[in-house]
Amino acid sequence: MAIKNKLLVAFGLAGSVALGQNAASADSVDQYTIKAGDTLSAIASQYKTTVAQLAKDNNIENVDQIFVGKRLVIGQKTSQDKPAEQNAPAKQEAQTENTTSYTVKSGDNLWTLAQRFNTSVANLASLNNIQNPNQLSVGQILKTSGQAAPAANENQGDQASQADSQAQADSAAAKQKVDEEAAAQAKAAADARAAEQAKAQADADAVAQAKAQADANAAAQAKAQADADAAAQAKAQADADAAASAQNNDQAENDALQTLIMKESSGRTTARNGIYFGIGQLSPALRAQYGIFDSTDYNEQLRAMKLYIADRYGTAQNALAFHLSHNWY
């Protein structure tokens, strides 16, 4: 809207220049600057005149088309001298400013420069090969001489409007490109953060998994060691029990054997009862069988007695039990 108002003001000012001759004949003249929302009908009613008179005094061909910023001459004046004098400074200033070149300063734009040098935005752009009328650089040297500023008309308005539209389109395209680049950068940053977080999570999972595996291995080793220790302890206990049992059995066997010897011969190697002889009171056949015959050696007689008990009873305890029942063995 601001750009459009500037264009309308430009057209209004150009119209005012064209109306120089007409304004010079104003009598009791008032000037009114058109504002947004004004109509010729409302202005005519305010100044107690007619739309036709306003259109005639200001060379307005289309009463439905007026421009914001345009100055209207209201009323007539018999003398033409004073308006001519009023217009002289403006013409002199325009002639003074109508130099062949101009160096752009901060705050300048083509519209204000076109008014200053009594030309048009389109002419300045054409003279200086300016593609975007809204872009000037401080220090840029502009050509200002050449084609004079034409009267404001619909064609000039269309050209300025087209240039404005192109500038807006270029600005929108540039903004879209910036937004797309910003979005791409934001996405790349987000992707990088997501990848970093994923890697950190993967590393944490790997560490946790390695620790879990190490704990499982340690637990398995501890259990294996505990089982081995328990097995070794059980074996040691079994061995101890077996040894104790064997010792106890040996003691029982020895006790039973000694009891039999005392019952049979009171431990005398020369004891004789009929044909039975020695500590074990073996018969001649048994003594011959075990190779002791009539030997009185205690160890020889004990060996033969043990062989006899083993062959017949298995153990001395069994032989003693039989002896206690039958009084012989």
Protein backbone atom coordinates (compact mmCIF):
# COMPACT_ATOMS: atom_id res chain seq x y z
CA MET A 1 0.00 0.00 0.00
CA ALA A 2 2.90 2.40 0.85
CA ILE A 3 4.49 1.80 -2.59
CA LYS A 4 1.18 2.40 -4.34
CA ASN A 5 0.69 5.67 -2.42
CA LYS A 6 4.18 6.81 -3.47
CA LEU A 7 3.34 6.13 -7.10
CA LEU A 8 0.06 8.02 -6.76
CA VAL A 9 1.90 10.95 -5.19
CA ALA A 10 4.39 10.86 -8.07
CA PHE A 11 1.61 10.97 -10.58
CA GLY A 12 -0.07 13.78 -8.66
CA LEU A 13 3.08 15.85 -8.63
CA ALA A 14 3.62 15.27 -12.35
CA GLY A 15 0.05 16.39 -12.92
CA SER A 16 0.67 19.52 -10.90
CA VAL A 17 3.63 20.41 -13.16
CA ALA A 18 1.43 19.91 -16.23
CA LEU A 19 -1.20 22.17 -14.66
CA GLY A 20 1.24 25.09 -14.35
CA GLN A 21 -0.45 27.10 -17.11
CA ASN A 22 -3.92 26.42 -15.73
CA ALA A 23 -2.96 27.28 -12.18
CA ALA A 24 -1.51 30.54 -13.37
CA SER A 25 -5.03 31.83 -14.09
CA ALA A 26 -6.44 31.01 -10.66
CA ASP A 27 -8.42 33.78 -8.85
CA SER A 28 -8.94 33.60 -5.08
CA VAL A 29 -7.28 30.30 -5.45
CA ASP A 30 -7.17 27.64 -2.74
CA GLN A 31 -5.00 24.56 -2.90
CA TYR A 32 -5.98 21.19 -1.52
CA THR A 33 -3.73 18.11 -1.35
CA ILE A 34 -5.62 14.90 -2.01
CA LYS A 35 -5.62 12.36 0.84
CA ALA A 36 -6.45 8.68 0.91
CA GLY A 37 -10.23 8.17 0.72
CA ASP A 38 -10.96 11.57 -0.91
CA THR A 39 -13.37 11.94 -3.86
CA LEU A 40 -13.95 14.93 -6.13
CA SER A 41 -17.55 15.02 -5.01
CA ALA A 42 -16.58 15.34 -1.32
CA ILE A 43 -13.91 17.96 -2.07
CA ALA A 44 -16.36 19.96 -4.26
CA SER A 45 -18.94 19.88 -1.47
CA GLN A 46 -16.32 21.02 1.10
CA TYR A 47 -15.31 24.04 -0.99
CA LYS A 48 -18.83 24.77 -2.28
CA THR A 49 -18.05 24.20 -5.91
CA THR A 50 -18.87 21.49 -8.46
CA VAL A 51 -17.13 18.35 -9.63
CA ALA A 52 -17.18 19.66 -13.19
CA GLN A 53 -15.52 22.92 -12.13
CA LEU A 54 -12.80 21.07 -10.18
CA ALA A 55 -12.18 18.75 -13.16
CA LYS A 56 -12.00 21.72 -15.53
CA ASP A 57 -9.69 23.81 -13.29
CA ASN A 58 -7.30 20.86 -12.76
CA ASN A 59 -7.43 19.19 -16.24
CA ILE A 60 -8.94 16.00 -14.77
CA GLU A 61 -10.29 13.82 -17.58
CA ASN A 62 -11.65 11.00 -15.38
CA VAL A 63 -13.47 12.39 -12.34
CA ASP A 64 -13.41 8.94 -10.72
CA GLN A 65 -9.59 8.76 -10.81
CA ILE A 66 -7.62 11.11 -8.54
CA PHE A 67 -4.25 10.50 -6.91
CA VAL A 68 -3.15 10.79 -3.30
CA GLY A 69 -0.74 13.73 -2.90
CA LYS A 70 -1.97 15.65 -5.96
CA ARG A 71 -2.65 19.35 -5.26
CA LEU A 72 -5.96 20.67 -6.56
CA VAL A 73 -6.51 24.30 -7.56
CA ILE A 74 -9.86 25.47 -6.21
CA GLY A 75 -11.41 28.81 -7.43
CA GLN A 76 -10.41 31.40 -10.14
CA LYS A 77 -8.10 34.43 -10.10
CA THR A 78 -8.09 37.35 -12.56
CA SER A 79 -4.36 38.00 -12.45
CA GLN A 80 -1.94 35.56 -13.98
CA ASP A 81 1.18 37.24 -12.67
CA LYS A 82 1.28 35.94 -9.13
CA PRO A 83 0.89 32.23 -9.99
CA ALA A 84 3.58 32.60 -12.64
CA GLU A 85 5.86 34.11 -10.00
CA GLN A 86 5.02 31.29 -7.60
CA ASN A 87 5.90 28.72 -10.24
CA ALA A 88 9.15 30.41 -11.22
CA PRO A 89 11.20 29.22 -8.22
CA ALA A 90 10.08 25.68 -8.75
CA LYS A 91 11.04 25.81 -12.41
CA GLN A 92 14.35 27.47 -11.55
CA GLU A 93 15.07 24.77 -8.91
CA ALA A 94 14.21 22.00 -11.40
CA GLN A 95 16.53 23.60 -13.98
CA THR A 96 19.28 23.92 -11.37
CA GLU A 97 18.95 20.27 -10.35
CA ASN A 98 18.72 19.02 -13.95
CA THR A 99 22.41 18.16 -14.12
CA THR A 100 23.89 15.35 -16.19
CA SER A 101 24.84 13.07 -13.25
CA TYR A 102 24.17 12.57 -9.54
CA THR A 103 25.94 10.57 -6.80
CA VAL A 104 23.50 8.53 -4.68
CA LYS A 105 23.40 9.43 -0.95
CA SER A 106 21.96 7.62 2.03
CA GLY A 107 18.15 7.81 2.02
CA ASP A 108 17.86 8.44 -1.74
CA ASN A 109 15.45 6.49 -3.92
CA LEU A 110 14.52 6.68 -7.61
CA TRP A 111 11.14 8.27 -6.93
CA THR A 112 12.54 11.27 -5.00
CA LEU A 113 15.39 11.64 -7.52
CA ALA A 114 12.94 11.54 -10.45
CA GLN A 115 10.97 14.41 -8.85
CA ARG A 116 14.18 16.29 -8.12
CA PHE A 117 15.47 16.10 -11.67
CA ASN A 118 12.06 16.54 -13.32
CA THR A 119 12.05 13.10 -14.88
CA SER A 120 10.45 9.73 -14.22
CA VAL A 121 11.43 6.58 -12.33
CA ALA A 122 11.23 4.60 -15.56
CA ASN A 123 13.48 7.10 -17.38
CA LEU A 124 16.12 7.08 -14.62
CA ALA A 125 16.03 3.27 -14.54
CA SER A 126 16.38 3.13 -18.34
CA LEU A 127 19.20 5.68 -18.46
CA ASN A 128 21.18 3.80 -15.79
CA ASN A 129 20.26 0.21 -16.79
CA ILE A 130 18.65 -0.37 -13.35
CA GLN A 131 16.77 -3.68 -13.27
CA ASN A 132 15.27 -3.22 -9.77
CA PRO A 133 14.07 0.38 -9.16
CA ASN A 134 13.98 -0.30 -5.38
CA GLN A 135 17.70 -1.04 -5.13
CA LEU A 136 20.24 1.81 -5.12
CA SER A 137 23.78 1.81 -3.69
CA VAL A 138 25.25 4.76 -1.77
CA GLY A 139 27.97 6.30 -3.97
CA GLN A 140 26.39 5.02 -7.19
CA ILE A 141 26.62 7.63 -9.99
CA LEU A 142 23.36 8.08 -11.91
CA LYS A 143 22.81 9.73 -15.28
CA THR A 144 20.07 12.34 -14.93
CA SER A 145 20.00 13.95 -18.38
CA GLY A 146 18.11 12.53 -21.28
CA GLN A 147 14.44 12.10 -21.93
CA ALA A 148 12.32 14.67 -20.09
CA ALA A 149 9.78 13.53 -17.59
CA PRO A 150 6.52 12.72 -19.40
CA ALA A 151 3.19 13.71 -18.01
CA ALA A 152 1.70 11.25 -15.57
CA ASN A 153 -0.45 8.81 -17.38
CA GLU A 154 -1.76 5.32 -17.06
CA ASN A 155 1.14 3.81 -19.04
CA GLN A 156 3.72 5.31 -16.65
CA GLY A 157 1.71 4.06 -13.69
CA ASP A 158 1.59 0.61 -15.22
CA GLN A 159 5.37 0.58 -15.75
CA ALA A 160 6.04 1.70 -12.19
CA SER A 161 3.52 -0.81 -10.91
CA GLN A 162 5.16 -3.56 -12.92
CA ALA A 163 8.59 -2.56 -11.59
CA ASP A 164 7.15 -2.52 -8.06
CA SER A 165 5.57 -5.93 -8.59
CA GLN A 166 8.86 -7.30 -9.95
CA ALA A 167 10.69 -5.86 -6.95
CA GLN A 168 8.19 -7.46 -4.60
CA ALA A 169 8.49 -10.75 -6.46
CA ASP A 170 12.30 -10.57 -6.29
CA SER A 171 12.11 -9.73 -2.60
CA ALA A 172 9.71 -12.61 -1.97
CA ALA A 173 11.94 -14.99 -3.93
CA ALA A 174 15.01 -13.83 -1.99
CA LYS A 175 13.15 -14.23 1.30
CA GLN A 176 11.96 -17.70 0.27
CA LYS A 177 15.54 -18.67 -0.60
CA VAL A 178 16.80 -17.38 2.75
CA ASP A 179 14.00 -19.23 4.54
CA GLU A 180 14.78 -22.44 2.63
CA GLU A 181 18.49 -22.14 3.44
CA ALA A 182 17.69 -21.47 7.10
CA ALA A 183 15.34 -24.47 7.15
CA ALA A 184 18.00 -26.65 5.49
CA GLN A 185 20.59 -25.51 8.03
CA ALA A 186 18.17 -26.13 10.90
CA LYS A 187 17.39 -29.61 9.54
CA ALA A 188 21.09 -30.39 9.12
CA ALA A 189 21.75 -29.26 12.69
CA ALA A 190 18.80 -31.33 13.96
CA ASP A 191 20.01 -34.36 11.99
CA ALA A 192 23.53 -33.91 13.43
CA ARG A 193 22.14 -33.71 16.97
CA ALA A 194 19.95 -36.77 16.36
CA ALA A 195 22.94 -38.71 14.97
CA GLU A 196 25.08 -37.67 17.94
CA GLN A 197 22.35 -38.71 20.38
CA ALA A 198 21.89 -42.02 18.54
CA LYS A 199 25.65 -42.68 18.69
CA ALA A 200 25.76 -41.80 22.39
CA GLN A 201 22.82 -44.15 23.03
CA ALA A 202 24.45 -46.91 20.97
CA ASP A 203 27.71 -46.46 22.90
CA ALA A 204 25.82 -46.56 26.20
CA ASP A 205 23.96 -49.70 25.09
CA ALA A 206 27.24 -51.33 24.02
CA VAL A 207 28.85 -50.49 27.38
CA ALA A 208 25.81 -51.81 29.25
CA GLN A 209 25.79 -54.98 27.14
CA ALA A 210 29.53 -55.52 27.69
CA LYS A 211 29.09 -55.02 31.44
CA ALA A 212 26.15 -57.42 31.50
CA GLN A 213 28.23 -60.01 29.60
CA ALA A 214 31.18 -59.48 31.95
CA ASP A 215 28.89 -59.86 34.97
CA ALA A 216 27.40 -63.04 33.47
CA ASN A 217 30.89 -64.46 32.81
CA ALA A 218 32.01 -63.58 36.33
CA ALA A 219 28.88 -65.17 37.78
CA ALA A 220 29.42 -68.33 35.68
CA GLN A 221 33.06 -68.51 36.75
CA ALA A 222 32.10 -67.96 40.38
CA LYS A 223 29.47 -70.71 40.16
CA ALA A 224 31.91 -73.07 38.44
CA GLN A 225 34.46 -72.38 41.14
CA ALA A 226 31.86 -72.85 43.85
CA ASP A 227 30.73 -76.12 42.26
CA ALA A 228 34.35 -77.28 41.96
CA ASP A 229 35.00 -76.33 45.58
CA ALA A 230 31.85 -78.10 46.67
CA ALA A 231 32.78 -81.21 44.64
CA ALA A 232 36.30 -81.17 46.05
CA GLN A 233 34.94 -80.75 49.55
CA ALA A 234 32.44 -83.56 49.02
CA LYS A 235 35.16 -85.83 47.65
CA ALA A 236 37.45 -84.96 50.53
CA GLN A 237 34.62 -85.72 52.93
CA ALA A 238 33.83 -88.96 51.15
CA ASP A 239 37.49 -89.90 51.20
CA ALA A 240 37.69 -89.02 54.86
CA ASP A 241 34.53 -90.98 55.56
CA ALA A 242 35.84 -93.91 53.52
CA ALA A 243 39.16 -93.75 55.31
CA ALA A 244 37.44 -93.54 58.65
CA SER A 245 35.12 -96.37 57.67
CA ALA A 246 38.05 -98.43 56.45
CA GLN A 247 39.92 -97.68 59.61
CA ASN A 248 36.94 -98.60 61.68
CA ASN A 249 36.43 -101.77 59.64
CA ASP A 250 40.09 -102.67 59.96
CA GLN A 251 39.79 -102.16 63.65
CA ALA A 252 36.66 -104.30 63.82
CA GLU A 253 38.31 -106.98 61.70
CA ASN A 254 41.36 -106.95 63.89
CA ASP A 255 39.24 -107.08 67.02
CA ALA A 256 37.21 -110.03 65.64
CA LEU A 257 40.39 -111.86 64.59
CA GLN A 258 41.99 -111.37 67.97
CA THR A 259 38.81 -112.61 69.67
CA LEU A 260 38.85 -115.78 67.55
CA ILE A 261 42.54 -116.41 68.34
CA MET A 262 41.93 -115.99 72.04
CA LYS A 263 38.91 -118.31 71.90
CA GLU A 264 40.77 -121.01 69.89
CA SER A 265 44.30 -120.97 71.37
CA SER A 266 44.65 -118.09 73.81
CA GLY A 267 47.24 -116.86 71.35
CA ARG A 268 49.65 -119.76 71.75
CA THR A 269 51.38 -121.05 68.60
CA THR A 270 51.89 -124.54 70.13
CA ALA A 271 48.33 -125.04 71.30
CA ARG A 272 46.97 -128.41 70.21
CA ASN A 273 43.55 -129.95 70.44
CA GLY A 274 43.64 -133.36 68.82
CA ILE A 275 44.55 -132.82 65.20
CA TYR A 276 43.99 -129.03 65.36
CA PHE A 277 47.14 -126.99 65.96
CA GLY A 278 48.40 -123.39 66.39
CA ILE A 279 46.74 -120.06 67.09
CA GLY A 280 44.01 -120.73 64.59
CA GLN A 281 43.56 -124.44 65.44
CA LEU A 282 43.74 -125.45 61.80
CA SER A 283 43.52 -129.10 60.71
CA PRO A 284 46.54 -130.81 59.10
CA ALA A 285 44.85 -130.55 55.69
CA LEU A 286 44.30 -126.81 56.08
CA ARG A 287 47.83 -126.25 57.35
CA ALA A 288 49.16 -128.13 54.30
CA GLN A 289 46.78 -126.20 52.00
CA TYR A 290 48.10 -122.84 53.21
CA GLY A 291 51.71 -124.07 53.43
CA ILE A 292 52.46 -123.78 57.13
CA PHE A 293 52.28 -127.43 58.04
CA ASP A 294 53.48 -127.66 61.67
CA SER A 295 55.30 -124.29 61.78
CA THR A 296 55.14 -122.52 65.15
CA ASP A 297 55.92 -119.09 63.62
CA TYR A 298 53.18 -116.70 64.78
CA ASN A 299 53.10 -114.66 61.57
CA GLU A 300 52.95 -117.79 59.40
CA GLN A 301 50.09 -119.21 61.47
CA LEU A 302 48.29 -115.76 61.39
CA ARG A 303 48.64 -115.60 57.57
CA ALA A 304 47.20 -119.10 57.12
CA MET A 305 44.33 -118.33 59.58
CA LYS A 306 43.44 -115.13 57.63
CA LEU A 307 43.43 -116.98 54.31
CA TYR A 308 41.11 -119.64 55.74
CA ILE A 309 38.70 -117.04 57.18
CA ALA A 310 38.68 -115.10 53.88
CA ASP A 311 37.97 -118.25 51.84
CA ARG A 312 35.19 -119.49 54.10
CA TYR A 313 33.64 -116.46 55.83
CA GLY A 314 34.91 -113.43 53.91
CA THR A 315 35.64 -111.44 57.08
CA ALA A 316 36.82 -112.14 60.59
CA GLN A 317 33.64 -110.54 61.87
CA ASN A 318 31.55 -113.13 60.00
CA ALA A 319 33.78 -115.94 61.30
CA LEU A 320 33.41 -114.63 64.88
CA ALA A 321 29.66 -114.44 64.52
CA PHE A 322 29.59 -118.10 63.33
CA HIS A 323 31.87 -119.11 66.22
CA LEU A 324 29.65 -117.40 68.75
CA SER A 325 26.68 -119.37 67.39
CA HIS A 326 28.39 -122.77 67.00
CA ASN A 327 31.37 -122.57 69.30
CA TRP A 328 33.68 -123.39 66.41
CA TYR A 329 34.42 -121.74 63.07
